[in-house]
Amino acid sequence: MKQSGFLRFLIIAILLSLSVMCLHSQSRPSPLTLEQKLKDHGLVDVAGLDSTICVSLMYAREDNFTGVLLYTDGLERAYLQPEAAAAVVRAQAELGRISPGHRLLIKDAARPMSVQRRMFRAVSGTPKANYVANPARGGGLHNYGLAVDITIVDQEERELPMGTQVDHLGPEANIDAEEALVRRGVISETERQNRLLLRRVMTSAGFHTIRTEWWHFDLVNKAKARASFRRLDF
């Protein structure tokens, strides 16, 4: 009889212990995903504003210039500050007006500082490091959600030829001597015209170019970003 009572007591104690453990695990919040952190920071999903804009984030795969998967938690959508996202939507509208059937394709957008540090570590000590904003010096405009890497696709979502791939590291990607690149046979006239089309629609929407990357566009300069926006410090 005493043994039976002890067994009942033991079973009840075990069940109570399991219940407490279950409640504790349920009350523990799950870690925020990178996408949720971007949303909480006030950034918006660009394709959510205009579904005709295509997105294929190159750092969500290993086949990028670093050879490393940088968005490790499966980020698939492109986020930007609301002002920058609205500008991409305007650029898409202009592209649709002057070149029907063509669409913008975002290859990278907002990039948190944790990802910037991972990128810089992947190329540190190599010539590629010259092309990556040093996080120790504040990073770049991607780290504010104010820069976008972008190209154009046709009706079958094939990228238009631009002379190089996005993130090509070298003078072939520069925009300040494209006519000379054509004369030397480095890029074709068609590829130069495609670059000009991209620049036309992006600058018409308020973006600014940089000399060394035909695909990269900034909405504001670094001083404006620091003064008016929060860096993505996560």
Protein backbone atom coordinates (compact mmCIF):
# COMPACT_ATOMS: atom_id res chain seq x y z
CA MET A 1 0.00 0.00 0.00
CA LYS A 2 2.81 2.38 0.94
CA GLN A 3 4.66 1.44 -2.26
CA SER A 4 1.55 2.18 -4.34
CA GLY A 5 1.23 5.62 -2.75
CA PHE A 6 4.88 6.39 -3.40
CA LEU A 7 4.53 5.43 -7.09
CA ARG A 8 1.52 7.71 -7.46
CA PHE A 9 3.47 10.53 -5.85
CA LEU A 10 6.44 9.91 -8.15
CA ILE A 11 4.27 9.90 -11.29
CA ILE A 12 2.54 13.14 -10.27
CA ALA A 13 5.90 14.79 -9.57
CA ILE A 14 7.25 13.78 -12.98
CA LEU A 15 4.13 15.05 -14.75
CA LEU A 16 4.30 18.37 -12.90
CA SER A 17 7.97 18.72 -13.79
CA LEU A 18 7.28 18.05 -17.47
CA SER A 19 4.42 20.59 -17.45
CA VAL A 20 6.69 23.28 -16.01
CA MET A 21 9.38 22.52 -18.60
CA CYS A 22 6.81 22.69 -21.39
CA LEU A 23 5.44 26.03 -20.18
CA HIS A 24 8.96 27.42 -19.88
CA SER A 25 9.85 26.40 -23.44
CA GLN A 26 6.63 27.89 -24.79
CA SER A 27 7.22 31.21 -23.03
CA ARG A 28 10.77 31.55 -24.39
CA PRO A 29 10.63 33.84 -27.45
CA SER A 30 12.06 32.51 -30.71
CA PRO A 31 15.09 34.39 -32.10
CA LEU A 32 14.08 37.07 -34.59
CA THR A 33 14.82 36.28 -38.22
CA LEU A 34 16.84 38.71 -40.30
CA GLU A 35 13.70 39.56 -42.26
CA GLN A 36 11.79 40.41 -39.07
CA LYS A 37 14.65 42.60 -37.88
CA LEU A 38 14.56 44.50 -41.19
CA LYS A 39 10.82 45.03 -40.81
CA ASP A 40 11.21 46.13 -37.19
CA HIS A 41 13.81 48.65 -38.34
CA GLY A 42 11.16 50.26 -40.56
CA LEU A 43 12.32 48.86 -43.89
CA VAL A 44 9.85 47.67 -46.51
CA ASP A 45 9.67 44.78 -48.96
CA VAL A 46 10.24 46.36 -52.38
CA ALA A 47 8.41 43.69 -54.40
CA GLY A 48 5.54 44.02 -51.95
CA LEU A 49 5.04 47.54 -53.32
CA ASP A 50 5.30 46.43 -56.96
CA SER A 51 5.10 42.74 -57.83
CA THR A 52 6.55 43.34 -61.30
CA ILE A 53 9.95 43.95 -59.69
CA CYS A 54 12.00 40.75 -59.61
CA VAL A 55 14.26 39.72 -56.73
CA SER A 56 17.10 37.19 -56.66
CA LEU A 57 19.47 37.95 -53.79
CA MET A 58 22.97 36.92 -54.81
CA TYR A 59 24.25 36.67 -51.25
CA ALA A 60 21.54 34.16 -50.37
CA ARG A 61 23.60 31.68 -52.43
CA GLU A 62 27.24 30.64 -52.41
CA ASP A 63 27.80 31.50 -56.09
CA ASN A 64 28.71 35.13 -55.41
CA PHE A 65 32.07 36.85 -55.56
CA THR A 66 32.92 35.85 -51.96
CA GLY A 67 32.08 32.16 -52.48
CA VAL A 68 30.28 32.25 -49.12
CA LEU A 69 26.59 32.10 -48.19
CA LEU A 70 26.06 35.45 -46.45
CA TYR A 71 22.30 35.49 -45.79
CA THR A 72 22.37 32.35 -43.71
CA ASP A 73 18.77 32.33 -42.50
CA GLY A 74 17.09 32.11 -45.89
CA LEU A 75 16.34 35.76 -46.64
CA GLU A 76 14.67 35.92 -50.07
CA ARG A 77 13.05 39.37 -50.19
CA ALA A 78 14.70 42.72 -50.84
CA TYR A 79 14.18 45.36 -48.15
CA LEU A 80 14.97 49.08 -48.34
CA GLN A 81 14.19 52.27 -46.52
CA PRO A 82 10.69 53.41 -47.59
CA GLU A 83 12.12 56.32 -49.60
CA ALA A 84 14.50 54.04 -51.49
CA ALA A 85 11.84 51.39 -52.08
CA ALA A 86 9.49 54.01 -53.51
CA ALA A 87 12.27 55.20 -55.81
CA VAL A 88 12.79 51.66 -57.17
CA VAL A 89 9.06 51.49 -57.86
CA ARG A 90 9.31 54.77 -59.81
CA ALA A 91 12.26 53.39 -61.76
CA GLN A 92 10.27 50.27 -62.65
CA ALA A 93 7.39 52.43 -63.86
CA GLU A 94 9.77 54.43 -66.07
CA LEU A 95 11.32 51.23 -67.42
CA GLY A 96 7.87 49.88 -68.27
CA ARG A 97 7.04 53.12 -70.05
CA ILE A 98 10.12 53.37 -72.25
CA SER A 99 10.92 49.67 -72.66
CA PRO A 100 7.75 47.56 -72.27
CA GLY A 101 8.34 43.96 -71.27
CA HIS A 102 11.50 44.67 -69.34
CA ARG A 103 11.64 44.51 -65.55
CA LEU A 104 14.09 45.42 -62.83
CA LEU A 105 15.86 42.61 -60.97
CA ILE A 106 17.21 43.35 -57.49
CA LYS A 107 20.36 41.41 -56.63
CA ASP A 108 21.00 42.98 -53.22
CA ALA A 109 19.40 45.69 -51.13
CA ALA A 110 19.56 46.42 -47.40
CA ARG A 111 22.49 44.61 -45.80
CA PRO A 112 22.78 44.47 -42.01
CA MET A 113 26.16 45.12 -40.41
CA SER A 114 26.45 41.50 -39.29
CA VAL A 115 26.34 40.48 -42.96
CA GLN A 116 28.77 43.26 -43.90
CA ARG A 117 31.25 41.94 -41.35
CA ARG A 118 30.83 38.41 -42.68
CA MET A 119 31.43 39.66 -46.22
CA PHE A 120 34.52 41.62 -45.25
CA ARG A 121 35.99 38.64 -43.38
CA ALA A 122 35.43 36.44 -46.44
CA VAL A 123 37.63 38.67 -48.64
CA SER A 124 40.02 40.09 -46.06
CA GLY A 125 43.64 39.80 -47.17
CA THR A 126 42.70 39.48 -50.85
CA PRO A 127 42.42 42.09 -53.65
CA LYS A 128 38.63 41.72 -53.35
CA ALA A 129 38.75 43.58 -50.03
CA ASN A 130 39.25 46.83 -51.97
CA TYR A 131 35.69 46.48 -53.28
CA VAL A 132 33.99 45.88 -49.93
CA ALA A 133 33.08 48.67 -47.49
CA ASN A 134 35.03 48.14 -44.28
CA PRO A 135 32.59 47.70 -41.39
CA ALA A 136 35.19 49.10 -38.99
CA ARG A 137 34.90 52.39 -40.90
CA GLY A 138 31.12 52.49 -40.75
CA GLY A 139 30.23 50.32 -43.72
CA GLY A 140 28.39 51.66 -46.75
CA LEU A 141 24.94 52.71 -47.89
CA HIS A 142 23.70 49.12 -48.19
CA ASN A 143 24.07 49.09 -44.40
CA TYR A 144 21.48 51.86 -44.14
CA GLY A 145 19.03 50.33 -46.61
CA LEU A 146 19.75 53.16 -49.05
CA ALA A 147 21.63 51.34 -51.82
CA VAL A 148 20.57 48.69 -54.28
CA ASP A 149 22.38 46.36 -56.67
CA ILE A 150 20.11 45.97 -59.65
CA THR A 151 19.88 45.00 -63.31
CA ILE A 152 17.24 44.44 -66.02
CA VAL A 153 15.57 41.24 -67.21
CA ASP A 154 13.50 40.47 -70.29
CA GLN A 155 10.05 38.90 -70.49
CA GLU A 156 11.52 35.47 -69.73
CA GLU A 157 13.36 36.95 -66.72
CA ARG A 158 16.73 36.54 -68.43
CA GLU A 159 19.24 39.21 -67.47
CA LEU A 160 20.11 41.64 -70.25
CA PRO A 161 23.79 41.46 -71.21
CA MET A 162 25.73 44.25 -69.52
CA GLY A 163 29.28 43.26 -70.40
CA THR A 164 29.99 41.77 -66.98
CA GLN A 165 28.09 39.94 -64.30
CA VAL A 166 26.81 41.88 -61.32
CA ASP A 167 29.64 42.10 -58.76
CA HIS A 168 32.37 41.70 -61.34
CA LEU A 169 35.54 43.09 -59.81
CA GLY A 170 37.51 44.98 -62.42
CA PRO A 171 37.60 47.97 -64.77
CA GLU A 172 35.19 46.27 -67.20
CA ALA A 173 32.42 47.18 -64.74
CA ASN A 174 33.33 50.88 -64.64
CA ILE A 175 30.87 53.36 -66.10
CA ASP A 176 33.24 56.25 -66.86
CA ALA A 177 34.92 54.81 -69.95
CA GLU A 178 32.33 52.59 -71.57
CA GLU A 179 32.81 53.94 -75.07
CA ALA A 180 36.50 53.05 -74.81
CA LEU A 181 35.53 49.57 -73.60
CA VAL A 182 33.38 49.19 -76.73
CA ARG A 183 36.18 50.37 -79.01
CA ARG A 184 38.54 47.84 -77.45
CA GLY A 185 35.98 45.07 -77.81
CA VAL A 186 35.71 44.53 -74.05
CA ILE A 187 31.95 45.13 -74.08
CA SER A 188 29.57 45.42 -77.00
CA GLU A 189 27.55 48.46 -78.03
CA THR A 190 24.38 46.57 -77.10
CA GLU A 191 25.76 45.98 -73.62
CA ARG A 192 26.63 49.66 -73.29
CA GLN A 193 23.12 50.64 -74.36
CA ASN A 194 21.66 48.27 -71.77
CA ARG A 195 23.74 49.93 -69.09
CA LEU A 196 22.57 53.33 -70.27
CA LEU A 197 18.95 52.15 -70.08
CA LEU A 198 19.47 51.00 -66.50
CA ARG A 199 21.11 54.29 -65.53
CA ARG A 200 18.38 56.28 -67.23
CA VAL A 201 15.53 54.70 -65.29
CA MET A 202 17.37 54.64 -61.96
CA THR A 203 18.62 58.22 -62.09
CA SER A 204 15.18 59.42 -63.24
CA ALA A 205 13.86 58.01 -59.95
CA GLY A 206 16.46 59.87 -57.87
CA PHE A 207 19.29 57.36 -57.54
CA HIS A 208 22.98 58.16 -58.00
CA THR A 209 25.62 56.05 -59.71
CA ILE A 210 29.09 55.08 -58.57
CA ARG A 211 32.01 54.95 -60.96
CA THR A 212 33.18 51.37 -60.48
CA GLU A 213 29.93 49.36 -60.52
CA TRP A 214 27.30 49.72 -63.25
CA TRP A 215 24.74 47.84 -61.11
CA HIS A 216 25.08 49.86 -57.88
CA PHE A 217 22.85 52.83 -57.08
CA ASP A 218 22.67 55.03 -53.96
CA LEU A 219 19.69 57.13 -53.00
CA VAL A 220 21.65 59.63 -50.85
CA ASN A 221 25.26 60.29 -49.94
CA LYS A 222 26.93 58.98 -46.78
CA ALA A 223 26.61 62.26 -44.88
CA LYS A 224 22.86 62.38 -45.49
CA ALA A 225 22.50 58.74 -44.49
CA ARG A 226 24.33 59.27 -41.21
CA ALA A 227 22.34 62.41 -40.42
CA SER A 228 18.87 61.15 -41.27
CA PHE A 229 18.79 57.35 -41.05
CA ARG A 230 19.70 54.59 -38.62
CA ARG A 231 22.35 52.12 -39.65
CA LEU A 232 21.33 48.46 -39.62
CA ASP A 233 23.28 47.54 -36.51
CA PHE A 234 22.16 43.93 -36.21
